[in-house]
C-alpha atoms as a PDB file:
ATOM      1  CA  MET A   1     -14.561  -1.631   2.637  1.00  0.00           C
ATOM      2  CA  VAL A   2     -11.136  -2.465   1.596  1.00  0.00           C
ATOM      3  CA  LYS A   3      -8.447   0.262   1.315  1.00  0.00           C
ATOM      4  CA  ILE A   4      -5.007   0.153  -0.145  1.00  0.00           C
ATOM      5  CA  ARG A   5      -2.724   2.109   1.973  1.00  0.00           C
ATOM      6  CA  LEU A   6       0.785   2.545   3.399  1.00  0.00           C
ATOM      7  CA  THR A   7       2.040   1.121   6.639  1.00  0.00           C
ATOM      8  CA  ARG A   8       5.264   2.503   8.165  1.00  0.00           C
ATOM      9  CA  LYS A   9       8.208   0.368   8.932  1.00  0.00           C
ATOM     10  CA  GLY A  10      11.888   1.001   9.508  1.00  0.00           C
ATOM     11  CA  LYS A  11      13.964   2.848  12.138  1.00  0.00           C
ATOM     12  CA  LYS A  12      13.488   6.285  13.615  1.00  0.00           C
ATOM     13  CA  HIS A  13      14.144   8.964  10.911  1.00  0.00           C
ATOM     14  CA  GLN A  14      14.541   6.116   8.267  1.00  0.00           C
ATOM     15  CA  PRO A  15      10.974   5.423   7.116  1.00  0.00           C
ATOM     16  CA  PHE A  16      10.171   2.582   4.814  1.00  0.00           C
ATOM     17  CA  TYR A  17       6.556   1.780   3.738  1.00  0.00           C
ATOM     18  CA  ARG A  18       4.717  -1.332   2.832  1.00  0.00           C
ATOM     19  CA  ILE A  19       1.761  -1.088   0.483  1.00  0.00           C
ATOM     20  CA  ILE A  20      -1.024  -3.255   1.920  1.00  0.00           C
ATOM     21  CA  ALA A  21      -4.697  -4.061   1.340  1.00  0.00           C
ATOM     22  CA  VAL A  22      -6.559  -3.773   4.577  1.00  0.00           C
ATOM     23  CA  ASP A  23     -10.137  -3.929   5.814  1.00  0.00           C
ATOM     24  CA  SER A  24     -10.869  -0.343   6.910  1.00  0.00           C
ATOM     25  CA  ARG A  25     -13.345  -1.504   9.556  1.00  0.00           C
ATOM     26  CA  LYS A  26     -10.567  -3.015  11.601  1.00  0.00           C
ATOM     27  CA  LYS A  27      -8.395  -1.050  14.017  1.00  0.00           C
ATOM     28  CA  ARG A  28      -5.038   0.165  12.681  1.00  0.00           C
ATOM     29  CA  ASP A  29      -3.020  -1.117  15.543  1.00  0.00           C
ATOM     30  CA  THR A  30      -3.927  -4.787  15.161  1.00  0.00           C
ATOM     31  CA  GLY A  31      -1.248  -5.240  12.425  1.00  0.00           C
ATOM     32  CA  SER A  32      -3.448  -7.615  10.417  1.00  0.00           C
ATOM     33  CA  TYR A  33      -3.895  -7.005   6.729  1.00  0.00           C
ATOM     34  CA  LEU A  34      -5.368  -8.841   3.732  1.00  0.00           C
ATOM     35  CA  GLU A  35      -2.367  -8.859   1.354  1.00  0.00           C
ATOM     36  CA  ASP A  36       1.041  -7.276   1.002  1.00  0.00           C
ATOM     37  CA  LEU A  37       1.151  -5.510  -2.477  1.00  0.00           C
ATOM     38  CA  GLY A  38       4.660  -3.964  -2.379  1.00  0.00           C
ATOM     39  CA  TYR A  39       6.872  -1.338  -0.839  1.00  0.00           C
ATOM     40  CA  TYR A  40       7.877   2.320  -1.075  1.00  0.00           C
ATOM     41  CA  ASN A  41      11.044   3.897   0.129  1.00  0.00           C
ATOM     42  CA  PRO A  42      10.738   7.691   0.230  1.00  0.00           C
ATOM     43  CA  ARG A  43      14.451   8.262   0.839  1.00  0.00           C
ATOM     44  CA  THR A  44      15.498   6.770  -2.432  1.00  0.00           C
ATOM     45  CA  GLN A  45      12.189   7.113  -4.273  1.00  0.00           C
ATOM     46  CA  GLU A  46      12.392   3.386  -4.916  1.00  0.00           C
ATOM     47  CA  SER A  47       9.136   1.442  -5.147  1.00  0.00           C
ATOM     48  CA  GLU A  48       7.785  -1.908  -6.182  1.00  0.00           C
ATOM     49  CA  LEU A  49       4.273  -3.039  -6.763  1.00  0.00           C
ATOM     50  CA  ASN A  50       2.663  -6.437  -7.523  1.00  0.00           C
ATOM     51  CA  LYS A  51       0.625  -5.371 -10.523  1.00  0.00           C
ATOM     52  CA  ALA A  52      -1.685  -8.362 -10.813  1.00  0.00           C
ATOM     53  CA  SER A  53      -2.644  -8.368  -7.019  1.00  0.00           C
ATOM     54  CA  THR A  54      -3.188  -4.548  -7.142  1.00  0.00           C
ATOM     55  CA  GLN A  55      -5.315  -4.653 -10.140  1.00  0.00           C
ATOM     56  CA  LYS A  56      -7.402  -7.508  -8.631  1.00  0.00           C
ATOM     57  CA  TRP A  57      -8.119  -5.329  -5.448  1.00  0.00           C
ATOM     58  CA  LEU A  58      -9.000  -2.295  -7.473  1.00  0.00           C
ATOM     59  CA  ASN A  59     -11.379  -4.379  -9.659  1.00  0.00           C
ATOM     60  CA  ASN A  60     -13.059  -5.560  -6.494  1.00  0.00           C
ATOM     61  CA  GLY A  61     -13.592  -1.976  -5.280  1.00  0.00           C
ATOM     62  CA  ALA A  62     -10.682  -1.213  -3.088  1.00  0.00           C
ATOM     63  CA  GLN A  63     -10.068   2.398  -2.508  1.00  0.00           C
ATOM     64  CA  PRO A  64      -6.402   3.549  -2.583  1.00  0.00           C
ATOM     65  CA  THR A  65      -5.178   6.526  -0.473  1.00  0.00           C
ATOM     66  CA  PHE A  66      -3.776   9.608  -2.237  1.00  0.00           C
ATOM     67  CA  ARG A  67      -0.166   8.581  -2.075  1.00  0.00           C
ATOM     68  CA  VAL A  68      -0.792   5.037  -3.098  1.00  0.00           C
ATOM     69  CA  LYS A  69      -2.961   6.265  -6.009  1.00  0.00           C
ATOM     70  CA  LYS A  70       0.147   8.139  -7.223  1.00  0.00           C
ATOM     71  CA  LEU A  71       2.272   5.159  -6.970  1.00  0.00           C
ATOM     72  CA  ILE A  72      -0.213   2.963  -8.766  1.00  0.00           C
ATOM     73  CA  GLU A  73      -0.288   5.456 -11.594  1.00  0.00           C
ATOM     74  CA  LYS A  74       3.404   5.416 -11.858  1.00  0.00           C
ATOM     75  CA  HIS A  75       3.562   1.652 -12.081  1.00  0.00           C
ATOM     76  CA  LEU A  76       0.529   0.689 -14.016  1.00  0.00           C
ATOM     77  CA  LEU A  77       0.876   3.402 -16.704  1.00  0.00           C
END
């Protein structure tokens, strides 16, 4: 099953998240993912999302996490 989720980047106390599509059967610590879909910065509330790729993954049955679902609703509506 493919999930669309956040992966944390950035320094200590300065989080920065990448929005990625990942195979949920793989371990999280491998660092491999299927596609990079965008980013989210919670400190500035700035985010960017590749709409075409995200829509493609959602149409193919990918399941977004709660926070990613909120970001998708913000960008696609």
